PDB file of N, CA and C in Angstrom:
ATOM      1  N   UNK A   1      49.073   7.774 -41.815  1.00  0.00           N
ATOM      2  CA  UNK A   1      48.535   8.872 -41.218  1.00  0.00           C
ATOM      3  C   UNK A   1      49.685   9.021 -39.704  1.00  0.00           C
ATOM      4  N   UNK A   2      50.468   9.387 -39.442  1.00  0.00           N
ATOM      5  CA  UNK A   2      51.386   9.867 -38.178  1.00  0.00           C
ATOM      6  C   UNK A   2      50.581   9.614 -37.368  1.00  0.00           C
ATOM      7  N   UNK A   3      50.760   9.326 -36.219  1.00  0.00           N
ATOM      8  CA  UNK A   3      50.233   9.336 -34.717  1.00  0.00           C
ATOM      9  C   UNK A   3      49.774  10.375 -34.011  1.00  0.00           C
ATOM     10  N   UNK A   4      50.373  11.976 -34.158  1.00  0.00           N
ATOM     11  CA  UNK A   4      50.231  12.789 -33.585  1.00  0.00           C
ATOM     12  C   UNK A   4      48.719  13.194 -34.553  1.00  0.00           C
ATOM     13  N   UNK A   5      48.536  13.270 -35.259  1.00  0.00           N
ATOM     14  CA  UNK A   5      47.976  13.866 -36.595  1.00  0.00           C
ATOM     15  C   UNK A   5      46.486  12.968 -36.172  1.00  0.00           C
ATOM     16  N   UNK A   6      46.445  11.493 -36.234  1.00  0.00           N
ATOM     17  CA  UNK A   6      45.977  10.963 -35.978  1.00  0.00           C
ATOM     18  C   UNK A   6      44.988  11.502 -34.143  1.00  0.00           C
ATOM     19  N   UNK A   7      45.871  11.385 -33.518  1.00  0.00           N
ATOM     20  CA  UNK A   7      45.426  12.251 -32.090  1.00  0.00           C
ATOM     21  C   UNK A   7      44.690  13.356 -31.932  1.00  0.00           C
ATOM     22  N   UNK A   8      45.166  14.442 -33.164  1.00  0.00           N
ATOM     23  CA  UNK A   8      44.153  15.506 -32.979  1.00  0.00           C
ATOM     24  C   UNK A   8      43.077  15.634 -34.166  1.00  0.00           C
ATOM     25  N   UNK A   9      42.892  14.692 -35.157  1.00  0.00           N
ATOM     26  CA  UNK A   9      41.927  14.168 -35.489  1.00  0.00           C
ATOM     27  C   UNK A   9      40.326  13.541 -34.754  1.00  0.00           C
ATOM     28  N   UNK A  10      40.937  13.259 -33.491  1.00  0.00           N
ATOM     29  CA  UNK A  10      39.933  12.785 -32.729  1.00  0.00           C
ATOM     30  C   UNK A  10      39.101  13.742 -32.064  1.00  0.00           C
ATOM     31  N   UNK A  11      37.476  13.387 -32.291  1.00  0.00           N
ATOM     32  CA  UNK A  11      36.898  14.730 -31.631  1.00  0.00           C
ATOM     33  C   UNK A  11      36.931  14.912 -30.329  1.00  0.00           C
ATOM     34  N   UNK A  12      37.185  16.145 -29.694  1.00  0.00           N
ATOM     35  CA  UNK A  12      37.312  16.583 -28.488  1.00  0.00           C
ATOM     36  C   UNK A  12      36.141  16.993 -27.296  1.00  0.00           C
ATOM     37  N   UNK A  13      35.871  16.437 -26.286  1.00  0.00           N
ATOM     38  CA  UNK A  13      34.589  16.772 -25.701  1.00  0.00           C
ATOM     39  C   UNK A  13      35.207  17.378 -24.702  1.00  0.00           C
ATOM     40  N   UNK A  14      34.628  18.821 -24.574  1.00  0.00           N
ATOM     41  CA  UNK A  14      34.408  19.598 -23.167  1.00  0.00           C
ATOM     42  C   UNK A  14      33.570  19.360 -21.923  1.00  0.00           C
ATOM     43  N   UNK A  15      34.332  19.102 -20.803  1.00  0.00           N
ATOM     44  CA  UNK A  15      33.357  19.531 -19.824  1.00  0.00           C
ATOM     45  C   UNK A  15      32.647  21.115 -19.340  1.00  0.00           C
ATOM     46  N   UNK A  16      31.697  21.430 -18.396  1.00  0.00           N
ATOM     47  CA  UNK A  16      31.362  22.463 -18.090  1.00  0.00           C
ATOM     48  C   UNK A  16      32.677  23.147 -17.545  1.00  0.00           C
ATOM     49  N   UNK A  17      33.708  22.736 -16.916  1.00  0.00           N
ATOM     50  CA  UNK A  17      34.603  23.611 -16.305  1.00  0.00           C
ATOM     51  C   UNK A  17      35.937  23.473 -17.376  1.00  0.00           C
ATOM     52  N   UNK A  18      35.730  23.281 -18.059  1.00  0.00           N
ATOM     53  CA  UNK A  18      36.065  23.794 -19.594  1.00  0.00           C
ATOM     54  C   UNK A  18      35.818  25.023 -20.895  1.00  0.00           C
ATOM     55  N   UNK A  19      34.531  24.586 -20.480  1.00  0.00           N
ATOM     56  CA  UNK A  19      33.613  25.417 -21.202  1.00  0.00           C
ATOM     57  C   UNK A  19      33.359  26.616 -20.654  1.00  0.00           C
ATOM     58  N   UNK A  20      33.236  26.771 -19.441  1.00  0.00           N
ATOM     59  CA  UNK A  20      33.129  28.099 -18.783  1.00  0.00           C
ATOM     60  C   UNK A  20      34.066  28.767 -18.724  1.00  0.00           C
ATOM     61  N   UNK A  21      35.568  28.203 -18.862  1.00  0.00           N
ATOM     62  CA  UNK A  21      36.710  29.456 -19.334  1.00  0.00           C
ATOM     63  C   UNK A  21      36.396  30.180 -20.586  1.00  0.00           C
ATOM     64  N   UNK A  22      35.537  29.399 -21.562  1.00  0.00           N
ATOM     65  CA  UNK A  22      35.928  29.680 -23.234  1.00  0.00           C
ATOM     66  C   UNK A  22      34.602  30.675 -23.280  1.00  0.00           C
ATOM     67  N   UNK A  23      33.395  30.723 -22.633  1.00  0.00           N
ATOM     68  CA  UNK A  23      32.356  31.996 -22.641  1.00  0.00           C
ATOM     69  C   UNK A  23      32.379  32.828 -21.391  1.00  0.00           C
ATOM     70  N   UNK A  24      31.888  33.871 -21.746  1.00  0.00           N
ATOM     71  CA  UNK A  24      32.115  34.887 -21.286  1.00  0.00           C
ATOM     72  C   UNK A  24      31.118  35.000 -20.072  1.00  0.00           C
ATOM     73  N   UNK A  25      30.132  34.079 -19.664  1.00  0.00           N
ATOM     74  CA  UNK A  25      28.897  34.461 -19.036  1.00  0.00           C
ATOM     75  C   UNK A  25      28.784  33.483 -17.821  1.00  0.00           C
ATOM     76  N   UNK A  26      27.370  33.274 -17.221  1.00  0.00           N
ATOM     77  CA  UNK A  26      27.648  31.794 -16.297  1.00  0.00           C
ATOM     78  C   UNK A  26      26.893  30.827 -16.827  1.00  0.00           C
ATOM     79  N   UNK A  27      26.511  29.728 -15.942  1.00  0.00           N
ATOM     80  CA  UNK A  27      26.204  28.588 -16.112  1.00  0.00           C
ATOM     81  C   UNK A  27      24.972  29.096 -16.072  1.00  0.00           C
ATOM     82  N   UNK A  28      24.475  29.596 -15.722  1.00  0.00           N
ATOM     83  CA  UNK A  28      22.757  29.729 -15.548  1.00  0.00           C
ATOM     84  C   UNK A  28      22.383  30.310 -17.250  1.00  0.00           C
ATOM     85  N   UNK A  29      23.157  31.540 -17.077  1.00  0.00           N
ATOM     86  CA  UNK A  29      22.988  32.153 -18.471  1.00  0.00           C
ATOM     87  C   UNK A  29      22.899  31.287 -20.006  1.00  0.00           C
ATOM     88  N   UNK A  30      24.069  30.372 -19.244  1.00  0.00           N
ATOM     89  CA  UNK A  30      24.096  29.543 -21.110  1.00  0.00           C
ATOM     90  C   UNK A  30      23.174  28.613 -21.080  1.00  0.00           C
ATOM     91  N   UNK A  31      22.474  27.835 -19.891  1.00  0.00           N
ATOM     92  CA  UNK A  31      21.266  27.047 -19.615  1.00  0.00           C
ATOM     93  C   UNK A  31      19.912  27.594 -20.640  1.00  0.00           C
ATOM     94  N   UNK A  32      20.208  28.949 -20.099  1.00  0.00           N
ATOM     95  CA  UNK A  32      18.918  30.082 -20.968  1.00  0.00           C
ATOM     96  C   UNK A  32      18.684  29.741 -21.907  1.00  0.00           C
ATOM     97  N   UNK A  33      20.286  30.530 -22.457  1.00  0.00           N
ATOM     98  CA  UNK A  33      20.460  30.266 -24.186  1.00  0.00           C
ATOM     99  C   UNK A  33      20.199  29.061 -24.835  1.00  0.00           C
ATOM    100  N   UNK A  34      20.415  27.655 -23.977  1.00  0.00           N
ATOM    101  CA  UNK A  34      20.427  26.436 -24.687  1.00  0.00           C
ATOM    102  C   UNK A  34      18.701  26.178 -24.746  1.00  0.00           C
ATOM    103  N   UNK A  35      17.974  26.530 -24.188  1.00  0.00           N
ATOM    104  CA  UNK A  35      16.552  26.225 -23.980  1.00  0.00           C
ATOM    105  C   UNK A  35      16.156  27.576 -24.951  1.00  0.00           C
ATOM    106  N   UNK A  36      16.590  28.756 -25.000  1.00  0.00           N
ATOM    107  CA  UNK A  36      16.311  29.366 -26.124  1.00  0.00           C
ATOM    108  C   UNK A  36      16.803  29.067 -27.357  1.00  0.00           C
ATOM    109  N   UNK A  37      17.832  27.827 -27.678  1.00  0.00           N
ATOM    110  CA  UNK A  37      18.154  27.470 -28.953  1.00  0.00           C
ATOM    111  C   UNK A  37      19.220  28.561 -29.354  1.00  0.00           C
ATOM    112  N   UNK A  38      19.627  29.176 -28.713  1.00  0.00           N
ATOM    113  CA  UNK A  38      20.216  30.134 -29.184  1.00  0.00           C
ATOM    114  C   UNK A  38      22.383  29.471 -28.416  1.00  0.00           C
ATOM    115  N   UNK A  39      22.464  28.408 -27.994  1.00  0.00           N
ATOM    116  CA  UNK A  39      23.921  27.547 -28.133  1.00  0.00           C
ATOM    117  C   UNK A  39      23.618  26.505 -27.766  1.00  0.00           C
ATOM    118  N   UNK A  40      24.968  26.469 -28.160  1.00  0.00           N
ATOM    119  CA  UNK A  40      24.670  24.169 -28.875  1.00  0.00           C
ATOM    120  C   UNK A  40      24.579  23.557 -27.261  1.00  0.00           C
ATOM    121  N   UNK A  41      23.608  22.562 -27.513  1.00  0.00           N
ATOM    122  CA  UNK A  41      22.805  21.313 -26.238  1.00  0.00           C
ATOM    123  C   UNK A  41      24.448  20.577 -26.259  1.00  0.00           C
ATOM    124  N   UNK A  42      24.506  20.314 -24.995  1.00  0.00           N
ATOM    125  CA  UNK A  42      25.222  19.216 -24.537  1.00  0.00           C
ATOM    126  C   UNK A  42      24.467  17.913 -24.505  1.00  0.00           C
ATOM    127  N   UNK A  43      25.567  16.794 -24.512  1.00  0.00           N
ATOM    128  CA  UNK A  43      25.262  15.701 -25.041  1.00  0.00           C
ATOM    129  C   UNK A  43      25.817  15.173 -23.612  1.00  0.00           C
ATOM    130  N   UNK A  44      24.737  14.171 -23.551  1.00  0.00           N
ATOM    131  CA  UNK A  44      25.109  12.873 -22.338  1.00  0.00           C
ATOM    132  C   UNK A  44      26.674  12.393 -22.832  1.00  0.00           C
ATOM    133  N   UNK A  45      27.154  11.713 -21.991  1.00  0.00           N
ATOM    134  CA  UNK A  45      28.624  10.992 -22.592  1.00  0.00           C
ATOM    135  C   UNK A  45      27.935   9.835 -22.337  1.00  0.00           C
ATOM    136  N   UNK A  46      27.064   8.896 -21.688  1.00  0.00           N
ATOM    137  CA  UNK A  46      27.283   8.105 -21.471  1.00  0.00           C
ATOM    138  C   UNK A  46      25.087   7.759 -21.306  1.00  0.00           C
ATOM    139  N   UNK A  47      24.667   6.960 -21.950  1.00  0.00           N
ATOM    140  CA  UNK A  47      23.498   7.076 -22.070  1.00  0.00           C
ATOM    141  C   UNK A  47      23.172   6.451 -20.990  1.00  0.00           C
ATOM    142  N   UNK A  48      21.450   6.975 -20.684  1.00  0.00           N
ATOM    143  CA  UNK A  48      21.540   6.624 -19.292  1.00  0.00           C
ATOM    144  C   UNK A  48      21.738   7.433 -17.890  1.00  0.00           C
ATOM    145  N   UNK A  49      23.430   8.221 -18.457  1.00  0.00           N
ATOM    146  CA  UNK A  49      24.190   9.086 -17.073  1.00  0.00           C
ATOM    147  C   UNK A  49      23.829  10.415 -17.328  1.00  0.00           C
ATOM    148  N   UNK A  50      23.915  10.812 -16.331  1.00  0.00           N
ATOM    149  CA  UNK A  50      24.214  12.466 -15.749  1.00  0.00           C
ATOM    150  C   UNK A  50      24.741  13.199 -16.582  1.00  0.00           C
ATOM    151  N   UNK A  51      26.393  13.034 -16.784  1.00  0.00           N
ATOM    152  CA  UNK A  51      26.834  13.492 -17.031  1.00  0.00           C
ATOM    153  C   UNK A  51      27.181  14.170 -18.756  1.00  0.00           C
ATOM    154  N   UNK A  52      27.280  15.082 -18.799  1.00  0.00           N
ATOM    155  CA  UNK A  52      27.359  16.184 -20.424  1.00  0.00           C
ATOM    156  C   UNK A  52      28.682  16.572 -21.019  1.00  0.00           C
ATOM    157  N   UNK A  53      28.566  16.758 -21.841  1.00  0.00           N
ATOM    158  CA  UNK A  53      29.759  17.362 -22.477  1.00  0.00           C
ATOM    159  C   UNK A  53      29.354  18.330 -24.061  1.00  0.00           C
ATOM    160  N   UNK A  54      30.314  18.835 -24.413  1.00  0.00           N
ATOM    161  CA  UNK A  54      30.103  19.616 -25.736  1.00  0.00           C
ATOM    162  C   UNK A  54      30.838  18.936 -26.288  1.00  0.00           C
ATOM    163  N   UNK A  55      30.644  19.108 -27.924  1.00  0.00           N
ATOM    164  CA  UNK A  55      32.037  19.071 -28.985  1.00  0.00           C
ATOM    165  C   UNK A  55      32.538  20.377 -28.865  1.00  0.00           C
ATOM    166  N   UNK A  56      34.096  19.972 -28.810  1.00  0.00           N
ATOM    167  CA  UNK A  56      34.829  21.119 -28.726  1.00  0.00           C
ATOM    168  C   UNK A  56      34.372  21.998 -30.105  1.00  0.00           C
ATOM    169  N   UNK A  57      34.036  21.281 -31.713  1.00  0.00           N
ATOM    170  CA  UNK A  57      34.211  22.186 -32.355  1.00  0.00           C
ATOM    171  C   UNK A  57      32.658  22.896 -32.696  1.00  0.00           C
ATOM    172  N   UNK A  58      31.924  22.201 -31.633  1.00  0.00           N
ATOM    173  CA  UNK A  58      31.124  23.247 -31.704  1.00  0.00           C
ATOM    174  C   UNK A  58      30.524  24.537 -30.890  1.00  0.00           C
ATOM    175  N   UNK A  59      31.425  24.319 -29.686  1.00  0.00           N
ATOM    176  CA  UNK A  59      31.541  25.747 -29.198  1.00  0.00           C
ATOM    177  C   UNK A  59      32.837  26.765 -29.793  1.00  0.00           C
ATOM    178  N   UNK A  60      33.438  25.878 -30.645  1.00  0.00           N
ATOM    179  CA  UNK A  60      34.396  26.747 -31.401  1.00  0.00           C
ATOM    180  C   UNK A  60      33.702  27.477 -32.022  1.00  0.00           C
ATOM    181  N   UNK A  61      32.962  26.546 -32.865  1.00  0.00           N
ATOM    182  CA  UNK A  61      32.024  27.323 -34.067  1.00  0.00           C
ATOM    183  C   UNK A  61      30.874  28.927 -33.433  1.00  0.00           C
ATOM    184  N   UNK A  62      30.405  28.387 -32.332  1.00  0.00           N
ATOM    185  CA  UNK A  62      29.788  29.413 -32.109  1.00  0.00           C
ATOM    186  C   UNK A  62      30.435  30.330 -31.484  1.00  0.00           C
ATOM    187  N   UNK A  63      31.624  30.318 -30.861  1.00  0.00           N
ATOM    188  CA  UNK A  63      32.438  31.518 -30.275  1.00  0.00           C
ATOM    189  C   UNK A  63      32.794  32.310 -31.735  1.00  0.00           C
ATOM    190  N   UNK A  64      33.177  31.403 -32.727  1.00  0.00           N
ATOM    191  CA  UNK A  64      33.453  32.376 -33.599  1.00  0.00           C
ATOM    192  C   UNK A  64      32.314  33.419 -34.628  1.00  0.00           C
ATOM    193  N   UNK A  65      30.791  32.221 -34.349  1.00  0.00           N
ATOM    194  CA  UNK A  65      30.166  33.047 -34.803  1.00  0.00           C
ATOM    195  C   UNK A  65      29.428  34.482 -33.911  1.00  0.00           C
ATOM    196  N   UNK A  66      29.786  34.232 -33.121  1.00  0.00           N
ATOM    197  CA  UNK A  66      29.514  35.331 -31.890  1.00  0.00           C
ATOM    198  C   UNK A  66      31.015  36.565 -32.162  1.00  0.00           C
ATOM    199  N   UNK A  67      31.970  36.060 -32.247  1.00  0.00           N
ATOM    200  CA  UNK A  67      32.864  36.918 -33.101  1.00  0.00           C
ATOM    201  C   UNK A  67      32.756  38.359 -33.658  1.00  0.00           C
ATOM    202  N   UNK A  68      32.015  37.110 -34.807  1.00  0.00           N
ATOM    203  CA  UNK A  68      31.345  37.827 -36.594  1.00  0.00           C
ATOM    204  C   UNK A  68      30.410  39.078 -36.141  1.00  0.00           C
ATOM    205  N   UNK A  69      29.813  38.396 -35.327  1.00  0.00           N
ATOM    206  CA  UNK A  69      27.975  39.180 -34.997  1.00  0.00           C
ATOM    207  C   UNK A  69      28.535  40.382 -34.243  1.00  0.00           C
ATOM    208  N   UNK A  70      29.855  40.250 -33.433  1.00  0.00           N
ATOM    209  CA  UNK A  70      30.437  41.613 -32.741  1.00  0.00           C
ATOM    210  C   UNK A  70      30.943  42.583 -33.390  1.00  0.00           C
ATOM    211  N   UNK A  71      31.451  41.939 -34.133  1.00  0.00           N
ATOM    212  CA  UNK A  71      32.228  42.470 -35.266  1.00  0.00           C
ATOM    213  C   UNK A  71      31.382  43.656 -36.111  1.00  0.00           C
ATOM    214  N   UNK A  72      30.209  42.971 -36.942  1.00  0.00           N
ATOM    215  CA  UNK A  72      29.137  43.681 -37.863  1.00  0.00           C
ATOM    216  C   UNK A  72      28.794  44.336 -36.907  1.00  0.00           C
ATOM    217  N   UNK A  73      28.409  44.509 -35.737  1.00  0.00           N
ATOM    218  CA  UNK A  73      27.422  45.117 -35.102  1.00  0.00           C
ATOM    219  C   UNK A  73      28.341  46.745 -34.758  1.00  0.00           C
ATOM    220  N   UNK A  74      29.752  46.074 -34.586  1.00  0.00           N
ATOM    221  CA  UNK A  74      30.665  47.474 -34.404  1.00  0.00           C
ATOM    222  C   UNK A  74      30.721  48.395 -35.366  1.00  0.00           C
ATOM    223  N   UNK A  75      30.561  48.015 -36.477  1.00  0.00           N
ATOM    224  CA  UNK A  75      30.952  48.289 -37.717  1.00  0.00           C
ATOM    225  C   UNK A  75      29.691  49.076 -38.352  1.00  0.00           C
ATOM    226  N   UNK A  76      28.730  48.692 -37.950  1.00  0.00           N
ATOM    227  CA  UNK A  76      26.680  49.275 -38.040  1.00  0.00           C
ATOM    228  C   UNK A  76      26.898  50.895 -37.876  1.00  0.00           C
TER     229      UNK A  76
END
């Protein structure tokens, strides 16, 4: 495996500053969705620590699902 491929296969972790540029709503609304089980839960980056992050793959899957749902709603 080439070095570039190896780097690309490492899971990316997004912090809030990155996530907020992807999703179209506020932090408080995001956490309300998390509490309702409608948005991926952030994971602690270090056991016992306060810092959290989201796997980029989970945010990507959520946004793709949201886009599909929007398209289906518009076609009804």
